[in-house]
Amino acid sequence: MTDVGAYAELVGQTAAVEAIAAAARDSKRADGGVGVMTHAWLITGPPGSGRSNLAYAFATALLTPEEEDDPAGRDRVHAQVDARTHPDLAVLASDRVTISIDEVRRLVTSSQYSPSVARYRVMVVEDADRMTERTSNVLLKALEEPPERTVWILCAPSEADLLPTIRSRVRVVRLQVPEPAAVAALLVRRDGVDPDVALRAAQEAQSHIGMAHRLATDAEARARRDGSIELVLRTDTVPKAVRAAAELLDIAKADSTALTQEREGTEREKALASMGVQPGGAVPPQLRGVLRQLEEDQKRRATRGLRDGIDRVLVDLLSVYRDVLMLQLGAGVAPVNAAWAAQVADLAARTRPTATLAVLEAIADARRRLPANVPPLLALEAMLVSAVLARTA
């Protein structure tokens, strides 16, 4: 029977949850027979579908004591996995643009240890698609010759994001995009959000659970989203496009800063406390290198955070022009941005589907250019100028 509590936040993923739950049950077989359990797993799905949530729910099940009548033991393991402090759990969750080869090497070395308190040692790699080919080959060696009691759980948007050699050595569990109504119900149940606000947030986030939570609970995040959409819709000349690009970049920076500022302050406080430095006290010279390393890590994470912030803006714009195109084609599908219905209808009446397709392609080009280290402002300018030219052609 599936442990509902462990998978409560995985909405609309019945098949994936059942597959993982069956493997977790199989892992506790007393006869040691061969079943659905294996040493390496790959959880795929679109952003916000719950890849990491499913990975940690699986890890919790694998690390939980086998005694069915030990609720205290199950609760303790659940809390340790949530805090990433379980002695038999190792996690690689990088906020940088790429996962470094040294990080993977350390994780591979850790995977060779025998479990200390649980039946398995569990290695979770979030965003495994951020590994370069050379880094992936380091992981490949560990997957080819795994210790008997080590389980790898990788997460990535799709199988195509990993090397074929890695894909051939993992069992894939695929997540799907949940329905907005299911995401809204989760926000109402878990966060106490008003049902109407929750449904709008789920629709505008396109069922991305984390982003839906943010839009539903953060008025400033909603205002930034509305501001970026309004800015682009009223941009109708090339000079305005150039100015709007700078404004869009500022919006993305503000969004990224809001996400990272509080976390960075907490990290610094914890680092100082771990070194025995009182708040406001001077840092001894021999410990300043630790803080410099932390600051460098935060700068690299800020680079990734800005790119993610820009990409969120671009995804929002894609959803608006998707609504425009669906209206122009008479597709009869539900809009993503119901609150912008009037503006979408006006734009659909003034332009042709070919122009809308050109704008969608310009936005997609900008999304492809950002990971290729094109300066963000230049990518946004090119996108908006192309959009203006397409709309006025």
Protein backbone atom coordinates (compact mmCIF):
# COMPACT_ATOMS: atom_id res chain seq x y z
CA MET A 1 0.00 0.00 0.00
CA THR A 2 1.33 3.46 -0.92
CA ASP A 3 2.31 5.79 1.93
CA VAL A 4 0.05 8.72 1.07
CA GLY A 5 1.81 11.13 3.43
CA ALA A 6 5.20 10.72 1.77
CA TYR A 7 3.79 11.54 -1.67
CA ALA A 8 1.12 14.08 -0.68
CA GLU A 9 2.65 16.97 -2.66
CA LEU A 10 3.00 14.97 -5.89
CA VAL A 11 -0.26 15.95 -7.56
CA GLY A 12 -1.39 14.22 -10.73
CA GLN A 13 1.48 11.69 -10.71
CA THR A 14 -0.35 8.47 -9.83
CA ALA A 15 1.60 6.19 -12.20
CA ALA A 16 5.01 7.53 -11.14
CA VAL A 17 4.16 7.33 -7.44
CA GLU A 18 2.95 3.75 -7.79
CA ALA A 19 6.15 2.75 -9.63
CA ILE A 20 8.36 4.27 -6.95
CA ALA A 21 6.25 2.90 -4.09
CA ALA A 22 6.41 -0.59 -5.60
CA ALA A 23 10.20 -0.35 -5.81
CA ALA A 24 10.39 0.84 -2.20
CA ARG A 25 8.30 -2.14 -1.08
CA ASP A 26 10.42 -4.46 -3.17
CA SER A 27 13.60 -3.10 -1.55
CA LYS A 28 12.46 -4.48 1.80
CA ARG A 29 11.86 -8.04 0.60
CA ALA A 30 13.25 -10.46 3.14
CA ASP A 31 14.06 -13.12 0.54
CA GLY A 32 16.41 -10.80 -1.37
CA GLY A 33 14.80 -11.87 -4.66
CA VAL A 34 14.96 -9.89 -7.87
CA GLY A 35 11.97 -7.57 -8.42
CA VAL A 36 11.38 -4.02 -9.64
CA MET A 37 14.06 -2.51 -7.40
CA THR A 38 17.32 -1.51 -9.08
CA HIS A 39 20.45 0.45 -8.18
CA ALA A 40 19.96 3.53 -10.39
CA TRP A 41 16.89 5.63 -11.20
CA LEU A 42 16.19 8.65 -13.38
CA ILE A 43 13.17 10.81 -12.58
CA THR A 44 12.21 13.05 -15.51
CA GLY A 45 9.52 15.67 -15.93
CA PRO A 46 8.95 19.33 -16.74
CA PRO A 47 10.13 22.01 -14.29
CA GLY A 48 7.86 22.24 -11.29
CA SER A 49 6.34 18.78 -11.74
CA GLY A 50 7.90 17.48 -8.53
CA ARG A 51 11.06 15.62 -9.62
CA SER A 52 13.03 16.35 -6.46
CA ASN A 53 9.98 15.82 -4.25
CA LEU A 54 9.56 12.32 -5.66
CA ALA A 55 13.30 11.65 -5.34
CA TYR A 56 13.31 12.53 -1.63
CA ALA A 57 10.08 10.64 -1.00
CA PHE A 58 11.76 7.59 -2.55
CA ALA A 59 14.89 8.20 -0.48
CA THR A 60 12.76 8.42 2.66
CA ALA A 61 11.11 5.09 1.85
CA LEU A 62 14.47 3.40 1.24
CA LEU A 63 15.97 4.76 4.46
CA THR A 64 12.97 4.06 6.68
CA PRO A 65 13.26 1.20 9.20
CA GLU A 66 11.75 -2.00 7.94
CA GLU A 67 9.58 -2.49 11.03
CA GLU A 68 6.03 -1.57 10.07
CA ASP A 69 5.11 -0.77 13.70
CA ASP A 70 7.76 1.93 14.21
CA PRO A 71 6.03 5.26 13.44
CA ALA A 72 8.61 7.16 15.50
CA GLY A 73 11.39 5.73 13.33
CA ARG A 74 9.55 6.70 10.13
CA ASP A 75 8.97 10.25 11.40
CA ARG A 76 12.61 10.59 12.40
CA VAL A 77 13.85 9.49 8.96
CA HIS A 78 11.38 11.81 7.24
CA ALA A 79 12.66 14.77 9.28
CA GLN A 80 16.30 13.85 8.58
CA VAL A 81 15.71 13.58 4.84
CA ASP A 82 13.87 16.92 4.82
CA ALA A 83 16.85 18.50 6.57
CA ARG A 84 19.32 16.53 4.37
CA THR A 85 21.05 15.30 7.53
CA HIS A 86 20.47 11.53 7.34
CA PRO A 87 23.84 9.74 7.61
CA ASP A 88 23.05 7.45 4.65
CA LEU A 89 21.79 10.22 2.35
CA ALA A 90 24.12 12.21 0.08
CA VAL A 91 22.78 15.06 -2.05
CA LEU A 92 24.21 17.01 -4.97
CA ALA A 93 21.99 20.04 -5.55
CA SER A 94 23.92 22.76 -7.36
CA ASP A 95 22.59 26.28 -7.93
CA ARG A 96 25.43 27.03 -10.33
CA VAL A 97 25.21 27.05 -14.10
CA THR A 98 26.92 23.64 -14.26
CA ILE A 99 27.77 20.86 -11.82
CA SER A 100 31.52 20.69 -11.40
CA ILE A 101 33.54 17.52 -11.89
CA ASP A 102 34.96 17.83 -8.36
CA GLU A 103 31.46 17.79 -6.87
CA VAL A 104 30.63 14.58 -8.71
CA ARG A 105 33.94 12.99 -7.75
CA ARG A 106 33.25 13.67 -4.08
CA LEU A 107 29.78 12.17 -4.41
CA VAL A 108 31.11 9.08 -6.20
CA THR A 109 33.67 8.58 -3.45
CA SER A 110 30.93 8.89 -0.84
CA SER A 111 28.83 6.31 -2.69
CA GLN A 112 31.44 3.64 -2.01
CA TYR A 113 30.78 3.69 1.74
CA SER A 114 28.48 1.08 3.25
CA PRO A 115 25.24 2.30 4.84
CA SER A 116 25.61 3.01 8.53
CA VAL A 117 22.07 2.82 9.93
CA ALA A 118 19.76 2.03 7.01
CA ARG A 119 19.60 -0.83 4.53
CA TYR A 120 20.75 1.40 1.65
CA ARG A 121 22.98 4.37 1.01
CA VAL A 122 21.03 6.81 -1.21
CA MET A 123 22.69 9.31 -3.58
CA VAL A 124 20.41 12.05 -5.00
CA VAL A 125 21.56 14.25 -7.90
CA GLU A 126 19.18 17.12 -8.61
CA ASP A 127 19.40 18.74 -12.06
CA ALA A 128 21.65 16.03 -13.45
CA ASP A 129 21.28 17.76 -16.83
CA ARG A 130 23.75 20.41 -15.62
CA MET A 131 26.65 17.95 -15.89
CA THR A 132 29.04 18.35 -18.81
CA GLU A 133 30.06 15.27 -20.81
CA ARG A 134 33.34 14.92 -18.93
CA THR A 135 31.56 15.17 -15.58
CA SER A 136 28.90 12.69 -16.69
CA ASN A 137 31.60 10.13 -17.49
CA VAL A 138 32.79 10.28 -13.87
CA LEU A 139 29.28 9.42 -12.74
CA LEU A 140 29.00 6.72 -15.41
CA LYS A 141 31.82 4.71 -13.83
CA ALA A 142 29.95 4.66 -10.52
CA LEU A 143 26.76 3.48 -12.22
CA GLU A 144 28.62 0.71 -14.07
CA GLU A 145 30.11 -0.81 -10.92
CA PRO A 146 27.79 0.14 -8.05
CA PRO A 147 28.24 -1.11 -4.48
CA GLU A 148 25.60 -3.62 -3.49
CA ARG A 149 23.75 -1.32 -1.08
CA THR A 150 24.00 2.02 -2.91
CA VAL A 151 21.04 3.50 -4.81
CA TRP A 152 21.40 6.44 -7.21
CA ILE A 153 18.44 8.76 -7.91
CA LEU A 154 19.01 11.29 -10.71
CA CYS A 155 16.62 14.08 -11.68
CA ALA A 156 16.47 15.81 -15.09
CA PRO A 157 13.85 17.39 -17.38
CA SER A 158 14.14 14.57 -19.92
CA GLU A 159 16.16 11.49 -20.78
CA ALA A 160 17.72 13.32 -23.73
CA ASP A 161 19.51 15.65 -21.29
CA LEU A 162 21.84 12.82 -20.21
CA LEU A 163 24.40 10.74 -22.07
CA PRO A 164 23.04 7.60 -23.78
CA THR A 165 25.46 5.51 -21.74
CA ILE A 166 23.94 6.82 -18.51
CA ARG A 167 20.39 6.40 -19.80
CA SER A 168 21.11 2.73 -20.50
CA ARG A 169 22.02 2.12 -16.86
CA VAL A 170 19.05 3.70 -15.10
CA ARG A 171 15.38 2.93 -14.75
CA VAL A 172 13.29 5.90 -15.87
CA VAL A 173 10.21 7.23 -14.07
CA ARG A 174 8.41 9.95 -16.01
CA LEU A 175 6.35 12.73 -14.45
CA GLN A 176 3.71 14.64 -16.35
CA VAL A 177 2.33 18.17 -16.19
CA PRO A 178 -0.41 18.17 -13.52
CA GLU A 179 -3.74 19.85 -14.11
CA PRO A 180 -3.96 23.46 -12.81
CA ALA A 181 -6.98 22.49 -10.70
CA ALA A 182 -4.90 19.82 -8.92
CA VAL A 183 -2.09 22.30 -8.23
CA ALA A 184 -4.62 24.85 -6.96
CA ALA A 185 -6.13 22.26 -4.63
CA LEU A 186 -2.66 21.58 -3.21
CA LEU A 187 -2.10 25.31 -2.56
CA VAL A 188 -5.45 25.60 -0.82
CA ARG A 189 -4.87 22.48 1.30
CA ARG A 190 -1.21 23.05 2.14
CA ASP A 191 -0.83 26.84 2.22
CA GLY A 192 -4.35 28.05 3.02
CA VAL A 193 -4.53 30.14 -0.17
CA ASP A 194 -7.88 31.50 -1.37
CA PRO A 195 -9.25 29.10 -4.04
CA ASP A 196 -9.61 31.79 -6.73
CA VAL A 197 -6.10 33.12 -6.12
CA ALA A 198 -4.73 29.56 -6.10
CA LEU A 199 -6.38 28.67 -9.42
CA ARG A 200 -5.13 31.83 -11.14
CA ALA A 201 -1.61 31.23 -9.80
CA ALA A 202 -1.66 27.59 -10.96
CA GLN A 203 -2.85 28.58 -14.44
CA GLU A 204 -0.33 31.41 -14.85
CA ALA A 205 2.49 29.20 -13.53
CA GLN A 206 1.43 26.55 -16.07
CA SER A 207 1.19 23.97 -13.27
CA HIS A 208 4.74 24.65 -12.01
CA ILE A 209 4.10 23.91 -8.33
CA GLY A 210 6.90 26.05 -6.90
CA MET A 211 6.11 29.05 -9.09
CA ALA A 212 2.38 28.69 -8.42
CA HIS A 213 3.11 28.80 -4.68
CA ARG A 214 5.18 31.94 -5.15
CA LEU A 215 2.57 33.73 -7.26
CA ALA A 216 -0.18 32.76 -4.83
CA THR A 217 1.66 33.90 -1.68
CA ASP A 218 3.86 36.79 -2.87
CA ALA A 219 2.12 39.95 -4.07
CA GLU A 220 5.41 41.44 -5.27
CA ALA A 221 6.08 38.42 -7.49
CA ARG A 222 2.61 38.81 -9.02
CA ALA A 223 3.23 42.50 -9.60
CA ARG A 224 6.57 41.82 -11.33
CA ARG A 225 4.93 39.27 -13.62
CA ASP A 226 2.11 41.65 -14.53
CA GLY A 227 4.60 44.46 -15.08
CA SER A 228 6.71 42.47 -17.53
CA ILE A 229 3.67 41.40 -19.57
CA GLU A 230 2.24 44.92 -19.70
CA LEU A 231 5.62 46.31 -20.71
CA VAL A 232 5.98 43.97 -23.69
CA LEU A 233 2.40 44.35 -24.89
CA ARG A 234 2.72 48.14 -25.13
CA THR A 235 6.09 48.03 -26.88
CA ASP A 236 5.35 48.86 -30.52
CA THR A 237 8.46 50.65 -31.86
CA VAL A 238 12.14 49.76 -32.05
CA PRO A 239 13.27 52.58 -29.68
CA LYS A 240 10.66 51.43 -27.16
CA ALA A 241 11.91 47.86 -27.60
CA VAL A 242 15.45 48.87 -26.66
CA ARG A 243 14.24 50.69 -23.55
CA ALA A 244 11.87 47.86 -22.64
CA ALA A 245 14.72 45.34 -22.80
CA ALA A 246 16.56 47.22 -20.06
CA GLU A 247 13.38 47.39 -17.98
CA LEU A 248 12.75 43.66 -18.43
CA LEU A 249 16.29 42.94 -17.27
CA ASP A 250 15.68 45.07 -14.17
CA ILE A 251 12.48 43.14 -13.44
CA ALA A 252 14.33 39.83 -13.78
CA LYS A 253 17.12 41.09 -11.51
CA ALA A 254 14.60 42.16 -8.87
CA ASP A 255 12.90 38.77 -9.05
CA SER A 256 16.21 36.93 -8.76
CA THR A 257 17.38 39.13 -5.88
CA ALA A 258 14.16 38.56 -3.98
CA LEU A 259 14.73 34.80 -4.20
CA THR A 260 18.39 34.79 -3.20
CA GLN A 261 18.89 37.71 -0.79
CA GLU A 262 17.33 36.12 2.27
CA ARG A 263 19.07 32.79 1.62
CA GLU A 264 22.50 34.41 1.27
CA GLY A 265 22.12 36.29 4.55
CA THR A 266 21.14 33.09 6.34
CA GLU A 267 24.11 31.24 4.83
CA ARG A 268 26.53 33.89 6.03
CA GLU A 269 25.08 33.89 9.54
CA LYS A 270 25.33 30.10 9.75
CA ALA A 271 28.92 30.16 8.45
CA LEU A 272 29.96 32.75 11.04
CA ALA A 273 28.19 30.85 13.82
CA SER A 274 29.92 27.60 12.82
CA MET A 275 33.28 29.41 13.10
CA GLY A 276 32.42 30.83 16.52
CA VAL A 277 32.20 34.45 15.34
CA GLN A 278 29.61 36.54 17.17
CA PRO A 279 27.18 38.71 15.11
CA GLY A 280 28.98 41.94 14.24
CA GLY A 281 32.31 40.57 15.40
CA ALA A 282 35.56 40.68 13.45
CA VAL A 283 36.44 37.63 11.37
CA PRO A 284 39.90 36.23 12.21
CA PRO A 285 42.32 36.39 9.24
CA GLN A 286 42.72 32.62 9.13
CA LEU A 287 38.95 32.21 8.60
CA ARG A 288 38.45 34.86 5.94
CA GLY A 289 39.21 32.39 3.17
CA VAL A 290 36.10 30.40 4.13
CA LEU A 291 33.92 33.49 3.77
CA ARG A 292 35.56 34.39 0.45
CA GLN A 293 34.73 30.91 -0.86
CA LEU A 294 31.13 31.33 0.31
CA GLU A 295 30.91 34.72 -1.42
CA GLU A 296 32.31 33.26 -4.64
CA ASP A 297 29.74 30.45 -4.53
CA GLN A 298 26.99 33.00 -3.99
CA LYS A 299 28.18 35.05 -6.97
CA ARG A 300 28.10 31.97 -9.22
CA ARG A 301 24.65 31.15 -7.91
CA ALA A 302 23.54 34.73 -8.59
CA THR A 303 24.56 34.29 -12.24
CA ARG A 304 22.39 31.21 -12.48
CA GLY A 305 19.61 32.98 -10.57
CA LEU A 306 19.58 35.90 -13.01
CA ARG A 307 19.37 33.55 -15.98
CA ASP A 308 16.54 31.69 -14.32
CA GLY A 309 14.79 35.00 -13.59
CA ILE A 310 15.04 36.08 -17.22
CA ASP A 311 13.84 32.68 -18.34
CA ARG A 312 10.79 32.98 -16.08
CA VAL A 313 9.94 36.29 -17.75
CA LEU A 314 10.34 34.73 -21.20
CA VAL A 315 8.14 31.76 -20.26
CA ASP A 316 5.44 34.19 -19.11
CA LEU A 317 5.66 36.01 -22.45
CA LEU A 318 5.46 32.72 -24.32
CA SER A 319 2.24 31.94 -22.48
CA VAL A 320 0.70 35.30 -23.45
CA TYR A 321 1.51 34.93 -27.15
CA ARG A 322 0.38 31.32 -26.99
CA ASP A 323 -3.01 32.65 -25.83
CA VAL A 324 -2.99 35.15 -28.71
CA LEU A 325 -2.28 32.42 -31.26
CA MET A 326 -4.92 30.07 -29.88
CA LEU A 327 -7.49 32.87 -30.14
CA GLN A 328 -6.44 33.73 -33.70
CA LEU A 329 -6.72 30.10 -34.76
CA GLY A 330 -10.03 29.58 -32.98
CA ALA A 331 -8.59 26.56 -31.14
CA GLY A 332 -11.10 26.82 -28.31
CA VAL A 333 -8.59 25.90 -25.58
CA ALA A 334 -8.50 27.46 -22.14
CA PRO A 335 -6.16 30.49 -21.86
CA VAL A 336 -3.19 30.51 -19.53
CA ASN A 337 -3.64 34.21 -18.73
CA ALA A 338 -7.38 34.63 -18.19
CA ALA A 339 -6.81 37.94 -16.37
CA TRP A 340 -5.30 39.35 -19.59
CA ALA A 341 -8.18 38.26 -21.81
CA ALA A 342 -9.02 41.78 -23.02
CA GLN A 343 -5.44 42.66 -24.00
CA VAL A 344 -4.96 39.27 -25.65
CA ALA A 345 -8.17 39.68 -27.67
CA ASP A 346 -7.11 43.17 -28.79
CA LEU A 347 -3.67 41.97 -29.92
CA ALA A 348 -5.19 38.93 -31.66
CA ALA A 349 -7.52 41.20 -33.64
CA ARG A 350 -4.74 43.57 -34.71
CA THR A 351 -2.18 40.99 -35.86
CA ARG A 352 -2.00 37.83 -37.93
CA PRO A 353 -1.10 34.31 -36.82
CA THR A 354 2.11 34.44 -38.88
CA ALA A 355 3.24 37.48 -36.89
CA THR A 356 2.40 35.77 -33.60
CA LEU A 357 4.40 32.71 -34.62
CA ALA A 358 7.36 34.97 -35.43
CA VAL A 359 7.14 36.54 -31.97
CA LEU A 360 7.00 33.10 -30.34
CA GLU A 361 10.10 32.09 -32.29
CA ALA A 362 11.91 35.28 -31.22
CA ILE A 363 11.17 34.50 -27.57
CA ALA A 364 12.32 30.90 -28.03
CA ASP A 365 15.55 32.18 -29.64
CA ALA A 366 16.19 34.37 -26.59
CA ARG A 367 15.75 31.35 -24.30
CA ARG A 368 18.26 29.38 -26.38
CA ARG A 369 20.79 32.23 -26.42
CA LEU A 370 20.96 32.75 -22.66
CA PRO A 371 22.63 29.39 -21.84
CA ALA A 372 25.06 30.08 -24.70
CA ASN A 373 26.46 33.06 -22.71
CA VAL A 374 24.89 35.73 -24.92
CA PRO A 375 24.70 38.95 -22.80
CA PRO A 376 21.17 39.01 -21.33
CA LEU A 377 20.48 42.61 -22.38
CA LEU A 378 21.49 41.84 -25.97
CA ALA A 379 19.28 38.73 -26.05
CA LEU A 380 16.30 40.70 -24.74
CA GLU A 381 16.86 43.56 -27.17
CA ALA A 382 17.02 41.18 -30.13
CA MET A 383 13.84 39.46 -28.97
CA LEU A 384 11.83 42.65 -28.51
CA VAL A 385 13.01 44.23 -31.76
CA SER A 386 12.09 41.04 -33.63
CA ALA A 387 8.70 41.04 -31.91
CA VAL A 388 8.02 44.64 -32.86
CA LEU A 389 9.04 44.10 -36.47
CA ALA A 390 6.90 40.98 -36.71
CA ARG A 391 3.85 42.68 -35.23
CA THR A 392 4.14 45.76 -37.46
CA ALA A 393 5.04 43.99 -40.70
